[in-house]
Amino acid sequence: IKAIEKSDVVVLMIDAADGIESQDLAIFRIAQRRNKGIVIAVNKWDLIGNKETNTARDYENTVREKFAPFNDLPVVFMSVLEKQRIMKVVDATMQVYESRTTRIPTSRLNEVMQKAMERYAPPSHRGREVSIKYVTQLPIAYPAFAFYCNHPQFINEAYKNYLENKLRENFDFTGVPISIFFRKK
């Protein structure tokens, strides 16, 4: 936990033969709650026998399902013993670090998110229409966004997930948890 606290990006190494265990999930959740970037490294990939065309893709899908709903993660298959794809883990870690420290100009952010909100407006609550005026990225070490609106208490989890998905679609936040806050304007 101390190592996670001190880090910017966590490389979670999973044993390919054993699969994802409860301890792996616990470490993942700690890193996610602490807003750290995350790279999944599947080690001992050389020991997996009977590899077919889609074995890696199927394994990757299984990994993403286990870590859902946060499944926008880089997954690297490697073998430490055979020294295969170790530098790919380093490259993925550097890419996640860059994504974690990315600053998006407020004008660009509002341009993209206003279009998303026009396509799917926030749901109204008991006749009260929720209107999001603008969005800005907060000046902290990880991606966090404040959406300013008239009734922040009425925005539900589904709409929050929609906004997070639109942010991920339009900007590169692979491997990085995103925090979204709704504030009164």
Protein backbone atom coordinates (compact mmCIF):
# COMPACT_ATOMS: atom_id res chain seq x y z
CA ILE A 1 0.00 0.00 0.00
CA LYS A 2 2.92 2.35 0.72
CA ALA A 3 4.35 1.65 -2.74
CA ILE A 4 0.98 2.45 -4.31
CA GLU A 5 0.77 5.69 -2.30
CA LYS A 6 4.19 6.84 -3.57
CA SER A 7 3.58 5.89 -7.21
CA ASP A 8 1.94 7.63 -10.14
CA VAL A 9 1.39 4.44 -12.16
CA VAL A 10 0.89 0.93 -10.76
CA VAL A 11 1.95 -2.13 -12.77
CA LEU A 12 -0.27 -4.97 -11.62
CA MET A 13 1.43 -8.24 -12.52
CA ILE A 14 -0.88 -11.21 -12.95
CA ASP A 15 0.27 -14.81 -13.26
CA ALA A 16 -1.08 -16.10 -16.60
CA ALA A 17 -1.41 -19.65 -15.30
CA ASP A 18 -3.24 -18.73 -12.08
CA GLY A 19 -5.40 -15.96 -13.54
CA ILE A 20 -6.80 -13.07 -11.54
CA GLU A 21 -7.02 -13.83 -7.84
CA SER A 22 -8.74 -11.96 -5.03
CA GLN A 23 -5.46 -10.33 -3.96
CA ASP A 24 -5.00 -8.94 -7.50
CA LEU A 25 -8.49 -7.44 -7.36
CA ALA A 26 -7.79 -5.93 -3.92
CA ILE A 27 -4.58 -4.28 -5.13
CA PHE A 28 -6.38 -3.02 -8.24
CA ARG A 29 -9.19 -1.45 -6.18
CA ILE A 30 -6.67 0.26 -3.87
CA ALA A 31 -4.82 1.76 -6.85
CA GLN A 32 -8.11 2.82 -8.43
CA ARG A 33 -9.38 4.47 -5.23
CA ARG A 34 -6.08 6.35 -4.93
CA ASN A 35 -6.46 7.59 -8.56
CA LYS A 36 -3.25 5.95 -9.76
CA GLY A 37 -2.61 5.00 -13.36
CA ILE A 38 -2.80 1.23 -13.88
CA VAL A 39 -1.10 -1.16 -16.32
CA ILE A 40 -1.94 -4.87 -16.27
CA ALA A 41 1.09 -7.10 -16.98
CA VAL A 42 0.23 -10.76 -17.61
CA ASN A 43 3.42 -12.65 -16.74
CA LYS A 44 4.41 -16.24 -17.64
CA TRP A 45 2.64 -15.99 -20.97
CA ASP A 46 5.24 -18.39 -22.40
CA LEU A 47 3.87 -21.16 -20.12
CA ILE A 48 0.38 -21.02 -21.60
CA GLY A 49 0.15 -24.02 -23.91
CA ASN A 50 -2.15 -24.57 -26.89
CA LYS A 51 -2.15 -20.92 -27.93
CA GLU A 52 -4.50 -20.32 -30.79
CA THR A 53 -5.20 -17.22 -32.84
CA ASN A 54 -7.55 -15.63 -30.32
CA THR A 55 -6.06 -16.87 -27.03
CA ALA A 56 -4.51 -13.51 -26.09
CA ARG A 57 -7.63 -11.59 -27.10
CA ASP A 58 -9.90 -13.91 -25.10
CA TYR A 59 -7.61 -13.69 -22.05
CA GLU A 60 -7.55 -9.89 -22.36
CA ASN A 61 -11.37 -9.79 -22.51
CA THR A 62 -11.51 -11.93 -19.37
CA VAL A 63 -9.12 -9.52 -17.62
CA ARG A 64 -11.24 -6.51 -18.63
CA GLU A 65 -14.42 -8.21 -17.39
CA LYS A 66 -12.85 -8.89 -13.98
CA PHE A 67 -11.84 -5.25 -13.56
CA ALA A 68 -15.14 -3.81 -14.84
CA PRO A 69 -16.50 -1.14 -14.83
CA PHE A 70 -13.02 0.40 -15.18
CA ASN A 71 -11.83 -1.61 -18.16
CA ASP A 72 -9.99 0.99 -20.23
CA LEU A 73 -6.67 -0.57 -19.24
CA PRO A 74 -3.54 -1.48 -21.17
CA VAL A 75 -2.93 -5.23 -20.94
CA VAL A 76 0.58 -6.46 -21.83
CA PHE A 77 1.45 -10.15 -22.18
CA MET A 78 5.02 -10.83 -21.13
CA SER A 79 7.51 -13.33 -19.79
CA VAL A 80 10.16 -12.19 -17.33
CA LEU A 81 12.01 -15.49 -17.51
CA GLU A 82 12.21 -15.39 -21.32
CA LYS A 83 12.72 -11.60 -21.29
CA GLN A 84 9.82 -11.13 -23.71
CA ARG A 85 7.96 -7.80 -24.04
CA ILE A 86 9.38 -6.32 -20.82
CA MET A 87 10.01 -3.01 -22.56
CA LYS A 88 6.37 -2.99 -23.73
CA VAL A 89 5.36 -2.82 -20.07
CA VAL A 90 7.70 0.16 -19.59
CA ASP A 91 6.29 1.83 -22.72
CA ALA A 92 2.70 1.26 -21.57
CA THR A 93 3.59 2.67 -18.13
CA MET A 94 5.05 5.81 -19.67
CA GLN A 95 2.00 6.22 -21.90
CA VAL A 96 -0.35 5.90 -18.89
CA TYR A 97 1.76 8.45 -16.99
CA GLU A 98 1.42 10.91 -19.88
CA SER A 99 -2.35 10.30 -19.96
CA ARG A 100 -2.53 10.87 -16.21
CA THR A 101 -0.75 14.23 -16.43
CA THR A 102 -2.57 15.47 -19.55
CA ARG A 103 -4.16 18.90 -19.21
CA ILE A 104 -7.05 19.68 -21.54
CA PRO A 105 -7.79 23.33 -22.31
CA THR A 106 -11.19 24.37 -20.94
CA SER A 107 -12.36 25.63 -24.35
CA ARG A 108 -11.61 22.28 -26.04
CA LEU A 109 -13.16 20.37 -23.15
CA ASN A 110 -16.39 22.40 -23.33
CA GLU A 111 -16.56 22.13 -27.11
CA VAL A 112 -16.42 18.31 -26.97
CA MET A 113 -18.62 17.84 -23.91
CA GLN A 114 -21.32 20.29 -25.04
CA LYS A 115 -21.79 18.19 -28.18
CA ALA A 116 -22.07 15.05 -26.03
CA MET A 117 -24.60 16.73 -23.74
CA GLU A 118 -26.64 17.94 -26.73
CA ARG A 119 -26.86 14.36 -28.02
CA TYR A 120 -27.94 13.04 -24.63
CA ALA A 121 -29.13 15.68 -22.19
CA PRO A 122 -29.04 15.14 -18.43
CA PRO A 123 -32.29 13.58 -17.20
CA SER A 124 -34.73 15.91 -15.48
CA HIS A 125 -35.83 15.21 -11.93
CA ARG A 126 -39.48 15.72 -10.94
CA GLY A 127 -40.02 18.34 -13.59
CA ARG A 128 -36.79 20.18 -12.82
CA GLU A 129 -34.55 20.37 -15.83
CA VAL A 130 -30.86 19.84 -15.14
CA SER A 131 -28.63 22.11 -17.19
CA ILE A 132 -24.85 21.76 -17.27
CA LYS A 133 -23.33 25.15 -18.04
CA TYR A 134 -19.66 24.28 -18.48
CA VAL A 135 -16.90 21.87 -17.50
CA THR A 136 -13.31 22.43 -16.41
CA GLN A 137 -10.40 20.20 -15.46
CA LEU A 138 -9.32 20.59 -11.86
CA PRO A 139 -5.66 21.50 -11.21
CA ILE A 140 -4.66 18.30 -9.41
CA ALA A 141 -2.25 15.42 -10.15
CA TYR A 142 -4.81 13.14 -11.82
CA PRO A 143 -7.69 13.71 -14.28
CA ALA A 144 -10.59 15.26 -12.40
CA PHE A 145 -13.35 17.32 -13.94
CA ALA A 146 -15.91 19.69 -12.45
CA PHE A 147 -19.24 20.02 -14.24
CA TYR A 148 -21.07 23.18 -13.19
CA CYS A 149 -24.84 22.91 -13.30
CA ASN A 150 -28.06 24.21 -11.75
CA HIS A 151 -29.06 21.00 -9.87
CA PRO A 152 -25.96 18.86 -9.23
CA GLN A 153 -27.74 16.66 -6.69
CA PHE A 154 -30.11 15.31 -9.37
CA ILE A 155 -27.46 13.88 -11.72
CA ASN A 156 -27.53 10.10 -11.48
CA GLU A 157 -24.73 7.53 -11.75
CA ALA A 158 -25.75 6.47 -15.26
CA TYR A 159 -25.31 10.00 -16.62
CA LYS A 160 -22.01 10.35 -14.77
CA ASN A 161 -20.82 7.13 -16.47
CA TYR A 162 -22.00 8.50 -19.83
CA LEU A 163 -19.89 11.64 -19.33
CA GLU A 164 -16.86 9.60 -18.29
CA ASN A 165 -17.22 7.41 -21.38
CA LYS A 166 -17.40 10.51 -23.60
CA LEU A 167 -14.25 11.89 -21.97
CA ARG A 168 -12.46 8.58 -22.62
CA GLU A 169 -13.75 8.49 -26.20
CA ASN A 170 -12.46 11.95 -27.05
CA PHE A 171 -9.28 12.16 -24.97
CA ASP A 172 -6.62 9.57 -24.19
CA PHE A 173 -7.11 8.47 -20.59
CA THR A 174 -6.22 4.80 -21.06
CA GLY A 175 -5.28 3.22 -17.74
CA VAL A 176 -6.24 6.26 -15.68
CA PRO A 177 -9.24 6.57 -13.35
CA ILE A 178 -11.25 9.74 -13.98
CA SER A 179 -13.00 11.67 -11.20
CA ILE A 180 -16.11 13.68 -12.03
CA PHE A 181 -17.67 16.21 -9.70
CA PHE A 182 -20.89 18.16 -10.13
CA ARG A 183 -21.00 21.62 -8.62
CA LYS A 184 -23.66 24.27 -8.26
CA LYS A 185 -23.42 27.18 -10.66
